């Protein structure tokens, strides 16, 4: 499976970000596949944004839910991320990734991803 993100690179504050993740080598509707968007701000750790499941259901990080929409085009085998009302702190490298598994260790939940895109830089600046 290969994933390839693409997007505008530079977005002005308050505008909407639209990113595309083109998937090859596997269908995004394959049973039990979950496709996530994850970002990494400069100098910080990874932040999970949300996922769209093989069924089409979606789930978002509570902190980003109000501004985020993840969707897909099954015919194009492509995922999309839309984020509204962008702020400078949304500056990050944005990744799409396929989840391999999730598990609990104590009270913590972990997710393992087996395929990642190369990431696309998004800078929010006027």
Protein backbone atom coordinates (compact mmCIF):
# COMPACT_ATOMS: atom_id res chain seq x y z
CA UNK A 1 0.00 0.00 0.00
CA UNK A 2 1.23 3.47 -0.88
CA UNK A 3 -0.17 6.79 0.28
CA UNK A 4 0.55 10.19 -1.25
CA UNK A 5 -0.56 13.46 0.31
CA UNK A 6 -0.96 16.67 -1.60
CA UNK A 7 -2.08 20.13 -0.68
CA UNK A 8 -1.57 23.88 -1.06
CA UNK A 9 1.51 24.35 1.14
CA UNK A 10 0.63 27.86 2.28
CA UNK A 11 -2.75 28.91 3.66
CA UNK A 12 -3.81 32.21 5.17
CA UNK A 13 -5.26 32.40 8.68
CA UNK A 14 -9.04 31.89 8.84
CA UNK A 15 -9.03 30.10 5.49
CA UNK A 16 -9.87 26.45 4.82
CA UNK A 17 -7.29 23.75 4.28
CA UNK A 18 -8.01 20.97 1.82
CA UNK A 19 -5.64 18.02 1.59
CA UNK A 20 -5.78 14.92 -0.57
CA UNK A 21 -4.37 11.47 0.13
CA UNK A 22 -4.21 9.18 -2.88
CA UNK A 23 -4.03 5.50 -1.97
CA UNK A 24 -2.64 2.78 -4.25
CA UNK A 25 -2.01 -0.91 -3.81
CA UNK A 26 -5.09 -1.44 -1.67
CA UNK A 27 -8.71 -0.37 -1.55
CA UNK A 28 -9.80 2.18 1.04
CA UNK A 29 -13.02 0.19 1.46
CA UNK A 30 -11.28 -3.05 2.39
CA UNK A 31 -12.90 -4.54 5.46
CA UNK A 32 -11.35 -3.44 8.77
CA UNK A 33 -9.10 -0.79 7.22
CA UNK A 34 -8.96 2.54 9.05
CA UNK A 35 -7.35 5.59 7.47
CA UNK A 36 -6.09 8.38 9.68
CA UNK A 37 -4.85 11.90 9.30
CA UNK A 38 -2.02 12.84 11.64
CA UNK A 39 0.04 16.00 11.89
CA UNK A 40 3.31 17.08 13.42
CA UNK A 41 3.87 20.75 14.26
CA UNK A 42 7.45 21.97 14.10
CA UNK A 43 9.44 20.83 17.12
CA UNK A 44 6.50 18.88 18.56
CA UNK A 45 5.17 15.35 18.59
CA UNK A 46 2.57 13.69 16.43
CA UNK A 47 -1.05 14.75 16.83
CA UNK A 48 -3.86 12.49 15.69
CA UNK A 49 -6.57 14.37 13.79
CA UNK A 50 -9.13 11.69 12.97
CA UNK A 51 -9.96 8.70 10.82
CA UNK A 52 -12.36 7.41 8.23
CA UNK A 53 -13.12 3.71 8.41
CA UNK A 54 -13.65 1.19 5.63
CA UNK A 55 -17.36 1.59 6.28
CA UNK A 56 -17.21 5.35 5.78
CA UNK A 57 -17.71 6.21 9.41
CA UNK A 58 -15.54 8.94 10.84
CA UNK A 59 -14.13 9.87 14.22
CA UNK A 60 -12.25 12.99 15.19
CA UNK A 61 -9.99 14.30 17.89
CA UNK A 62 -12.26 16.20 20.29
CA UNK A 63 -9.97 19.23 20.12
CA UNK A 64 -10.28 19.44 16.31
CA UNK A 65 -13.72 18.00 15.71
CA UNK A 66 -15.50 21.31 15.27
CA UNK A 67 -13.17 22.38 12.44
CA UNK A 68 -12.41 19.09 10.68
CA UNK A 69 -14.04 16.90 8.06
CA UNK A 70 -12.56 13.69 6.67
CA UNK A 71 -14.17 12.24 3.57
CA UNK A 72 -13.36 9.92 0.68
CA UNK A 73 -14.02 9.14 -2.95
CA UNK A 74 -14.24 5.39 -3.35
CA UNK A 75 -14.01 5.50 -7.12
CA UNK A 76 -10.75 7.45 -6.94
CA UNK A 77 -9.48 5.52 -3.90
CA UNK A 78 -8.73 8.88 -2.34
CA UNK A 79 -9.10 10.41 1.11
CA UNK A 80 -9.64 14.05 1.93
CA UNK A 81 -9.03 16.30 4.91
CA UNK A 82 -10.76 19.63 5.27
CA UNK A 83 -9.95 21.92 8.16
CA UNK A 84 -11.67 25.25 8.60
CA UNK A 85 -10.73 28.49 10.34
CA UNK A 86 -7.03 27.82 10.17
CA UNK A 87 -4.68 29.34 12.75
CA UNK A 88 -0.90 29.72 12.73
CA UNK A 89 -0.72 26.88 15.26
CA UNK A 90 -2.14 24.56 12.60
CA UNK A 91 1.20 24.82 10.82
CA UNK A 92 2.52 21.26 10.60
CA UNK A 93 3.48 18.39 8.38
CA UNK A 94 0.27 16.52 7.64
CA UNK A 95 0.29 12.76 7.09
CA UNK A 96 -2.24 10.18 6.06
CA UNK A 97 -1.68 6.68 7.39
CA UNK A 98 -3.30 3.25 7.54
CA UNK A 99 -3.90 1.80 10.96
CA UNK A 100 -2.63 -1.73 11.60
CA UNK A 101 -4.01 -2.18 15.09
CA UNK A 102 -5.00 -0.46 18.29
CA UNK A 103 -4.59 -1.71 21.83
CA UNK A 104 -4.78 -0.67 25.46
CA UNK A 105 -1.85 -0.71 27.82
CA UNK A 106 -3.21 0.09 31.22
CA UNK A 107 -5.35 3.16 30.82
CA UNK A 108 -3.62 4.28 27.67
CA UNK A 109 -4.74 3.49 24.13
CA UNK A 110 -2.10 3.04 21.42
CA UNK A 111 -2.39 2.79 17.68
CA UNK A 112 0.10 1.22 15.30
CA UNK A 113 0.27 2.34 11.69
CA UNK A 114 1.81 0.19 8.98
CA UNK A 115 1.71 2.55 6.02
CA UNK A 116 2.36 6.27 5.90
CA UNK A 117 2.46 8.91 3.24
CA UNK A 118 5.57 11.06 2.96
CA UNK A 119 3.75 14.02 4.50
CA UNK A 120 2.92 17.44 3.17
CA UNK A 121 3.99 20.70 4.77
CA UNK A 122 1.21 23.15 5.55
CA UNK A 123 2.13 26.64 6.70
CA UNK A 124 -0.55 28.99 8.01
CA UNK A 125 0.65 32.54 7.57
CA UNK A 126 -0.53 35.83 6.17
